[in-house]
Amino acid sequence: MTVLERPRQQRAQETRIGLLRATFEALVEVGYSGTTTQEVCRRAHASRGKLLHHFPNRTELVIAALEHVLTSRIHEFRVLATRPEGPPLPAELVELLWQTLQGPAFYAWLELTVAARTNPELLEALTSLMERFDAGIEVAVQELLPTDRIDPQFYETGHRFAFAVLNGLALDRIYRSEERVRPVVDVLSLLAHQMAPTLS
């Protein structure tokens, strides 16, 4: 790599990251319908030509933006496995997941999920992304909850059950208060504690 090539590649990477961040912010703030290529270019201070160079179409753009954020979330959970005080207990993990699902990443995912219901191209791309995300979560769970210390039945379906419940509560949270949904989160934490007592 020459001295001239390095800055060019660095600038290209910075442009790509800027476009992803602008797209994610747009999804959260103005929804899928408002996340046009023109809106993303405006937010990222980038030309349409630069956007098309990195992302040939809108579907690739929005999927890449969501994947960029979800990948960082998986990394954050994996880092928890090596914290000095030890990995979180199952009940703590429920709370961490709940806090994550109330954030912007959930709303960006929700915007794409609803739009994908009537958009075959987007649905195919989103399905592929979520399969990669599920695989990454599987690895993170294996690191956070060692198989030799967990009831096999809980280990196989526990984290999927937790995500299903918390995703539903996150939807409720859009129009219900924290006080209304909090008791269900607490019950889920209690179940996690009872189903994985060897970690306590």
C-alpha atoms as a PDB file:
ATOM      1  CA  MET A   1       0.000   0.000   0.000  1.00  0.00           C
ATOM      2  CA  THR A   2       1.426   3.355  -1.024  1.00  0.00           C
ATOM      3  CA  VAL A   3       1.349   6.519   1.030  1.00  0.00           C
ATOM      4  CA  LEU A   4      -1.314   7.923  -1.309  1.00  0.00           C
ATOM      5  CA  GLU A   5      -3.519   4.820  -1.156  1.00  0.00           C
ATOM      6  CA  ARG A   6      -3.766   4.744   2.625  1.00  0.00           C
ATOM      7  CA  PRO A   7      -5.476   8.125   3.057  1.00  0.00           C
ATOM      8  CA  ARG A   8      -7.823   7.277   0.177  1.00  0.00           C
ATOM      9  CA  GLN A   9      -8.848   3.997   1.771  1.00  0.00           C
ATOM     10  CA  GLN A  10      -9.183   5.669   5.131  1.00  0.00           C
ATOM     11  CA  ARG A  11     -11.401   8.378   3.677  1.00  0.00           C
ATOM     12  CA  ALA A  12     -13.537   5.749   1.939  1.00  0.00           C
ATOM     13  CA  GLN A  13     -13.982   3.898   5.225  1.00  0.00           C
ATOM     14  CA  GLU A  14     -14.881   7.108   7.030  1.00  0.00           C
ATOM     15  CA  THR A  15     -17.446   7.902   4.339  1.00  0.00           C
ATOM     16  CA  ARG A  16     -18.952   4.430   4.646  1.00  0.00           C
ATOM     17  CA  ILE A  17     -19.211   4.680   8.440  1.00  0.00           C
ATOM     18  CA  GLY A  18     -20.736   8.141   8.125  1.00  0.00           C
ATOM     19  CA  LEU A  19     -23.385   6.836   5.727  1.00  0.00           C
ATOM     20  CA  LEU A  20     -24.209   3.925   8.038  1.00  0.00           C
ATOM     21  CA  ARG A  21     -24.577   6.198  11.041  1.00  0.00           C
ATOM     22  CA  ALA A  22     -26.724   8.657   9.120  1.00  0.00           C
ATOM     23  CA  THR A  23     -28.946   5.832   7.889  1.00  0.00           C
ATOM     24  CA  PHE A  24     -29.368   4.397  11.371  1.00  0.00           C
ATOM     25  CA  GLU A  25     -30.221   7.804  12.811  1.00  0.00           C
ATOM     26  CA  ALA A  26     -32.763   8.382  10.046  1.00  0.00           C
ATOM     27  CA  LEU A  27     -34.437   5.026  10.661  1.00  0.00           C
ATOM     28  CA  VAL A  28     -34.836   5.888  14.331  1.00  0.00           C
ATOM     29  CA  GLU A  29     -35.909   9.504  13.857  1.00  0.00           C
ATOM     30  CA  VAL A  30     -38.025   9.504  10.684  1.00  0.00           C
ATOM     31  CA  GLY A  31     -38.759   5.815  10.100  1.00  0.00           C
ATOM     32  CA  TYR A  32     -38.198   3.619   7.083  1.00  0.00           C
ATOM     33  CA  SER A  33     -40.374   5.687   4.776  1.00  0.00           C
ATOM     34  CA  GLY A  34     -38.385   8.803   5.615  1.00  0.00           C
ATOM     35  CA  THR A  35     -35.020   7.126   5.218  1.00  0.00           C
ATOM     36  CA  THR A  36     -34.538   7.969   1.577  1.00  0.00           C
ATOM     37  CA  THR A  37     -31.150   8.089  -0.094  1.00  0.00           C
ATOM     38  CA  GLN A  38     -31.536  11.858  -0.336  1.00  0.00           C
ATOM     39  CA  GLU A  39     -32.145  12.108   3.414  1.00  0.00           C
ATOM     40  CA  VAL A  40     -29.132   9.941   4.184  1.00  0.00           C
ATOM     41  CA  CYS A  41     -26.899  12.003   1.901  1.00  0.00           C
ATOM     42  CA  ARG A  42     -28.098  15.175   3.601  1.00  0.00           C
ATOM     43  CA  ARG A  43     -27.387  13.831   7.065  1.00  0.00           C
ATOM     44  CA  ALA A  44     -23.999  12.368   6.101  1.00  0.00           C
ATOM     45  CA  HIS A  45     -22.964  15.424   4.043  1.00  0.00           C
ATOM     46  CA  ALA A  46     -22.178  13.055   1.185  1.00  0.00           C
ATOM     47  CA  SER A  47     -22.993  13.076  -2.496  1.00  0.00           C
ATOM     48  CA  ARG A  48     -25.377  10.581  -4.052  1.00  0.00           C
ATOM     49  CA  GLY A  49     -22.470   9.261  -6.112  1.00  0.00           C
ATOM     50  CA  LYS A  50     -20.517   8.400  -2.957  1.00  0.00           C
ATOM     51  CA  LEU A  51     -23.526   6.687  -1.448  1.00  0.00           C
ATOM     52  CA  LEU A  52     -24.121   4.568  -4.565  1.00  0.00           C
ATOM     53  CA  HIS A  53     -20.428   3.670  -4.665  1.00  0.00           C
ATOM     54  CA  HIS A  54     -20.737   2.015  -1.248  1.00  0.00           C
ATOM     55  CA  PHE A  55     -24.380   0.881  -1.380  1.00  0.00           C
ATOM     56  CA  PRO A  56     -25.918   0.255  -4.818  1.00  0.00           C
ATOM     57  CA  ASN A  57     -29.488   0.355  -3.517  1.00  0.00           C
ATOM     58  CA  ARG A  58     -31.586   1.373  -0.543  1.00  0.00           C
ATOM     59  CA  THR A  59     -32.066  -2.161   0.752  1.00  0.00           C
ATOM     60  CA  GLU A  60     -28.328  -2.798   1.019  1.00  0.00           C
ATOM     61  CA  LEU A  61     -27.932   0.560   2.752  1.00  0.00           C
ATOM     62  CA  VAL A  62     -30.519   0.052   5.488  1.00  0.00           C
ATOM     63  CA  ILE A  63     -29.529  -3.568   6.126  1.00  0.00           C
ATOM     64  CA  ALA A  64     -25.851  -2.618   6.404  1.00  0.00           C
ATOM     65  CA  ALA A  65     -26.748   0.172   8.833  1.00  0.00           C
ATOM     66  CA  LEU A  66     -28.686  -2.168  11.103  1.00  0.00           C
ATOM     67  CA  GLU A  67     -26.025  -4.873  10.896  1.00  0.00           C
ATOM     68  CA  HIS A  68     -23.351  -2.343  11.852  1.00  0.00           C
ATOM     69  CA  VAL A  69     -25.211  -1.620  15.094  1.00  0.00           C
ATOM     70  CA  LEU A  70     -26.252  -5.201  15.876  1.00  0.00           C
ATOM     71  CA  THR A  71     -22.676  -6.398  15.438  1.00  0.00           C
ATOM     72  CA  SER A  72     -21.510  -3.896  18.035  1.00  0.00           C
ATOM     73  CA  ARG A  73     -24.251  -5.089  20.414  1.00  0.00           C
ATOM     74  CA  ILE A  74     -23.048  -8.687  20.130  1.00  0.00           C
ATOM     75  CA  HIS A  75     -19.496  -7.541  20.806  1.00  0.00           C
ATOM     76  CA  GLU A  76     -20.642  -5.680  23.911  1.00  0.00           C
ATOM     77  CA  PHE A  77     -22.315  -8.787  25.285  1.00  0.00           C
ATOM     78  CA  ARG A  78     -19.252 -10.911  24.587  1.00  0.00           C
ATOM     79  CA  VAL A  79     -17.081  -8.421  26.440  1.00  0.00           C
ATOM     80  CA  LEU A  80     -19.250  -9.028  29.511  1.00  0.00           C
ATOM     81  CA  ALA A  81     -17.982 -12.590  29.626  1.00  0.00           C
ATOM     82  CA  THR A  82     -14.482 -11.372  30.487  1.00  0.00           C
ATOM     83  CA  ARG A  83     -15.274  -8.595  32.970  1.00  0.00           C
ATOM     84  CA  PRO A  84     -13.180  -8.771  36.202  1.00  0.00           C
ATOM     85  CA  GLU A  85     -16.156  -9.574  38.460  1.00  0.00           C
ATOM     86  CA  GLY A  86     -17.183 -12.435  36.179  1.00  0.00           C
ATOM     87  CA  PRO A  87     -19.970 -12.816  33.617  1.00  0.00           C
ATOM     88  CA  PRO A  88     -23.440 -11.596  34.571  1.00  0.00           C
ATOM     89  CA  LEU A  89     -25.883 -13.969  36.226  1.00  0.00           C
ATOM     90  CA  PRO A  90     -28.884 -14.984  34.106  1.00  0.00           C
ATOM     91  CA  ALA A  91     -31.131 -12.506  35.941  1.00  0.00           C
ATOM     92  CA  GLU A  92     -28.593  -9.721  35.313  1.00  0.00           C
ATOM     93  CA  LEU A  93     -28.434 -10.698  31.665  1.00  0.00           C
ATOM     94  CA  VAL A  94     -32.204 -10.328  31.381  1.00  0.00           C
ATOM     95  CA  GLU A  95     -31.908  -6.778  32.693  1.00  0.00           C
ATOM     96  CA  LEU A  96     -29.084  -5.963  30.281  1.00  0.00           C
ATOM     97  CA  LEU A  97     -31.122  -7.303  27.357  1.00  0.00           C
ATOM     98  CA  TRP A  98     -34.133  -5.286  28.454  1.00  0.00           C
ATOM     99  CA  GLN A  99     -32.127  -2.069  28.563  1.00  0.00           C
ATOM    100  CA  THR A 100     -30.750  -2.794  25.089  1.00  0.00           C
ATOM    101  CA  LEU A 101     -34.175  -3.520  23.613  1.00  0.00           C
ATOM    102  CA  GLN A 102     -35.481  -0.151  24.745  1.00  0.00           C
ATOM    103  CA  GLY A 103     -32.812   1.670  22.771  1.00  0.00           C
ATOM    104  CA  PRO A 104     -32.526   2.974  19.199  1.00  0.00           C
ATOM    105  CA  ALA A 105     -31.356  -0.359  17.756  1.00  0.00           C
ATOM    106  CA  PHE A 106     -34.720  -1.934  18.574  1.00  0.00           C
ATOM    107  CA  TYR A 107     -36.640   0.845  16.840  1.00  0.00           C
ATOM    108  CA  ALA A 108     -34.456   0.652  13.733  1.00  0.00           C
ATOM    109  CA  TRP A 109     -35.021  -3.112  13.626  1.00  0.00           C
ATOM    110  CA  LEU A 110     -38.748  -2.597  14.132  1.00  0.00           C
ATOM    111  CA  GLU A 111     -38.958  -0.120  11.244  1.00  0.00           C
ATOM    112  CA  LEU A 112     -37.311  -2.599   8.890  1.00  0.00           C
ATOM    113  CA  THR A 113     -39.339  -5.543  10.188  1.00  0.00           C
ATOM    114  CA  VAL A 114     -42.660  -3.809   9.541  1.00  0.00           C
ATOM    115  CA  ALA A 115     -41.531  -2.581   6.119  1.00  0.00           C
ATOM    116  CA  ALA A 116     -40.246  -6.051   5.175  1.00  0.00           C
ATOM    117  CA  ARG A 117     -43.701  -7.596   5.600  1.00  0.00           C
ATOM    118  CA  THR A 118     -44.762  -6.177   2.228  1.00  0.00           C
ATOM    119  CA  ASN A 119     -41.319  -5.846   0.606  1.00  0.00           C
ATOM    120  CA  PRO A 120     -39.941  -9.222  -0.579  1.00  0.00           C
ATOM    121  CA  GLU A 121     -36.470  -7.866  -1.357  1.00  0.00           C
ATOM    122  CA  LEU A 122     -36.146  -6.270   2.064  1.00  0.00           C
ATOM    123  CA  LEU A 123     -37.601  -9.350   3.769  1.00  0.00           C
ATOM    124  CA  GLU A 124     -35.017 -11.630   2.165  1.00  0.00           C
ATOM    125  CA  ALA A 125     -32.154  -9.351   3.177  1.00  0.00           C
ATOM    126  CA  LEU A 126     -33.477  -8.847   6.706  1.00  0.00           C
ATOM    127  CA  THR A 127     -34.006 -12.583   7.181  1.00  0.00           C
ATOM    128  CA  SER A 128     -30.404 -13.226   6.195  1.00  0.00           C
ATOM    129  CA  LEU A 129     -29.192 -10.527   8.594  1.00  0.00           C
ATOM    130  CA  MET A 130     -31.216 -11.906  11.506  1.00  0.00           C
ATOM    131  CA  GLU A 131     -29.862 -15.397  10.864  1.00  0.00           C
ATOM    132  CA  ARG A 132     -26.343 -13.981  11.201  1.00  0.00           C
ATOM    133  CA  PHE A 133     -27.394 -12.073  14.305  1.00  0.00           C
ATOM    134  CA  ASP A 134     -28.915 -15.197  15.872  1.00  0.00           C
ATOM    135  CA  ALA A 135     -25.689 -17.100  15.208  1.00  0.00           C
ATOM    136  CA  GLY A 136     -23.689 -14.335  16.875  1.00  0.00           C
ATOM    137  CA  ILE A 137     -26.016 -14.352  19.867  1.00  0.00           C
ATOM    138  CA  GLU A 138     -25.578 -18.127  20.161  1.00  0.00           C
ATOM    139  CA  VAL A 139     -21.826 -17.638  20.505  1.00  0.00           C
ATOM    140  CA  ALA A 140     -22.276 -14.835  23.036  1.00  0.00           C
ATOM    141  CA  VAL A 141     -24.649 -16.946  25.142  1.00  0.00           C
ATOM    142  CA  GLN A 142     -22.194 -19.846  25.120  1.00  0.00           C
ATOM    143  CA  GLU A 143     -19.521 -17.530  26.516  1.00  0.00           C
ATOM    144  CA  LEU A 144     -21.803 -15.878  29.074  1.00  0.00           C
ATOM    145  CA  LEU A 145     -23.560 -19.050  30.236  1.00  0.00           C
ATOM    146  CA  PRO A 146     -21.161 -22.042  30.143  1.00  0.00           C
ATOM    147  CA  THR A 147     -22.893 -25.265  29.079  1.00  0.00           C
ATOM    148  CA  ASP A 148     -21.452 -27.284  31.958  1.00  0.00           C
ATOM    149  CA  ARG A 149     -23.244 -25.102  34.521  1.00  0.00           C
ATOM    150  CA  ILE A 150     -26.686 -24.792  32.967  1.00  0.00           C
ATOM    151  CA  ASP A 151     -29.667 -27.129  32.742  1.00  0.00           C
ATOM    152  CA  PRO A 152     -29.534 -28.357  29.094  1.00  0.00           C
ATOM    153  CA  GLN A 153     -33.239 -27.683  28.579  1.00  0.00           C
ATOM    154  CA  PHE A 154     -32.829 -24.092  29.735  1.00  0.00           C
ATOM    155  CA  TYR A 155     -29.679 -23.619  27.698  1.00  0.00           C
ATOM    156  CA  GLU A 156     -31.299 -24.734  24.446  1.00  0.00           C
ATOM    157  CA  THR A 157     -34.343 -22.465  24.535  1.00  0.00           C
ATOM    158  CA  GLY A 158     -33.862 -20.076  27.461  1.00  0.00           C
ATOM    159  CA  HIS A 159     -32.260 -17.175  25.632  1.00  0.00           C
ATOM    160  CA  ARG A 160     -34.715 -17.458  22.725  1.00  0.00           C
ATOM    161  CA  PHE A 161     -37.613 -17.376  25.172  1.00  0.00           C
ATOM    162  CA  ALA A 162     -36.119 -14.322  26.881  1.00  0.00           C
ATOM    163  CA  PHE A 163     -35.703 -12.478  23.567  1.00  0.00           C
ATOM    164  CA  ALA A 164     -39.270 -13.329  22.525  1.00  0.00           C
ATOM    165  CA  VAL A 165     -40.715 -11.997  25.778  1.00  0.00           C
ATOM    166  CA  LEU A 166     -38.538  -8.893  25.861  1.00  0.00           C
ATOM    167  CA  ASN A 167     -39.202  -8.069  22.211  1.00  0.00           C
ATOM    168  CA  GLY A 168     -42.912  -8.199  22.931  1.00  0.00           C
ATOM    169  CA  LEU A 169     -42.509  -5.995  25.988  1.00  0.00           C
ATOM    170  CA  ALA A 170     -40.444  -3.520  23.985  1.00  0.00           C
ATOM    171  CA  LEU A 171     -43.375  -3.191  21.585  1.00  0.00           C
ATOM    172  CA  ASP A 172     -45.710  -2.644  24.523  1.00  0.00           C
ATOM    173  CA  ARG A 173     -43.310  -0.027  25.851  1.00  0.00           C
ATOM    174  CA  ILE A 174     -44.067   2.172  22.845  1.00  0.00           C
ATOM    175  CA  TYR A 175     -47.532   2.950  24.193  1.00  0.00           C
ATOM    176  CA  ARG A 176     -47.402   1.699  27.792  1.00  0.00           C
ATOM    177  CA  SER A 177     -45.454   3.072  30.723  1.00  0.00           C
ATOM    178  CA  GLU A 178     -42.387   1.431  32.242  1.00  0.00           C
ATOM    179  CA  GLU A 179     -44.458   0.784  35.369  1.00  0.00           C
ATOM    180  CA  ARG A 180     -46.920  -1.318  33.330  1.00  0.00           C
ATOM    181  CA  VAL A 181     -44.323  -3.586  31.739  1.00  0.00           C
ATOM    182  CA  ARG A 182     -41.739  -3.715  34.527  1.00  0.00           C
ATOM    183  CA  PRO A 183     -43.454  -6.515  36.497  1.00  0.00           C
ATOM    184  CA  VAL A 184     -43.158  -8.865  33.514  1.00  0.00           C
ATOM    185  CA  VAL A 185     -39.424  -8.143  33.213  1.00  0.00           C
ATOM    186  CA  ASP A 186     -39.057  -8.937  36.908  1.00  0.00           C
ATOM    187  CA  VAL A 187     -40.895 -12.255  36.465  1.00  0.00           C
ATOM    188  CA  LEU A 188     -38.585 -13.154  33.574  1.00  0.00           C
ATOM    189  CA  SER A 189     -35.553 -12.354  35.746  1.00  0.00           C
ATOM    190  CA  LEU A 190     -36.949 -14.589  38.484  1.00  0.00           C
ATOM    191  CA  LEU A 191     -37.498 -17.424  36.019  1.00  0.00           C
ATOM    192  CA  ALA A 192     -33.935 -17.060  34.762  1.00  0.00           C
ATOM    193  CA  HIS A 193     -32.663 -17.249  38.341  1.00  0.00           C
ATOM    194  CA  GLN A 194     -34.701 -20.365  39.100  1.00  0.00           C
ATOM    195  CA  MET A 195     -33.883 -22.157  35.842  1.00  0.00           C
ATOM    196  CA  ALA A 196     -30.138 -21.546  36.156  1.00  0.00           C
ATOM    197  CA  PRO A 197     -29.504 -21.872  39.902  1.00  0.00           C
ATOM    198  CA  THR A 198     -26.007 -23.287  39.494  1.00  0.00           C
ATOM    199  CA  LEU A 199     -24.745 -19.869  38.386  1.00  0.00           C
ATOM    200  CA  SER A 200     -26.000 -18.089  41.488  1.00  0.00           C
END
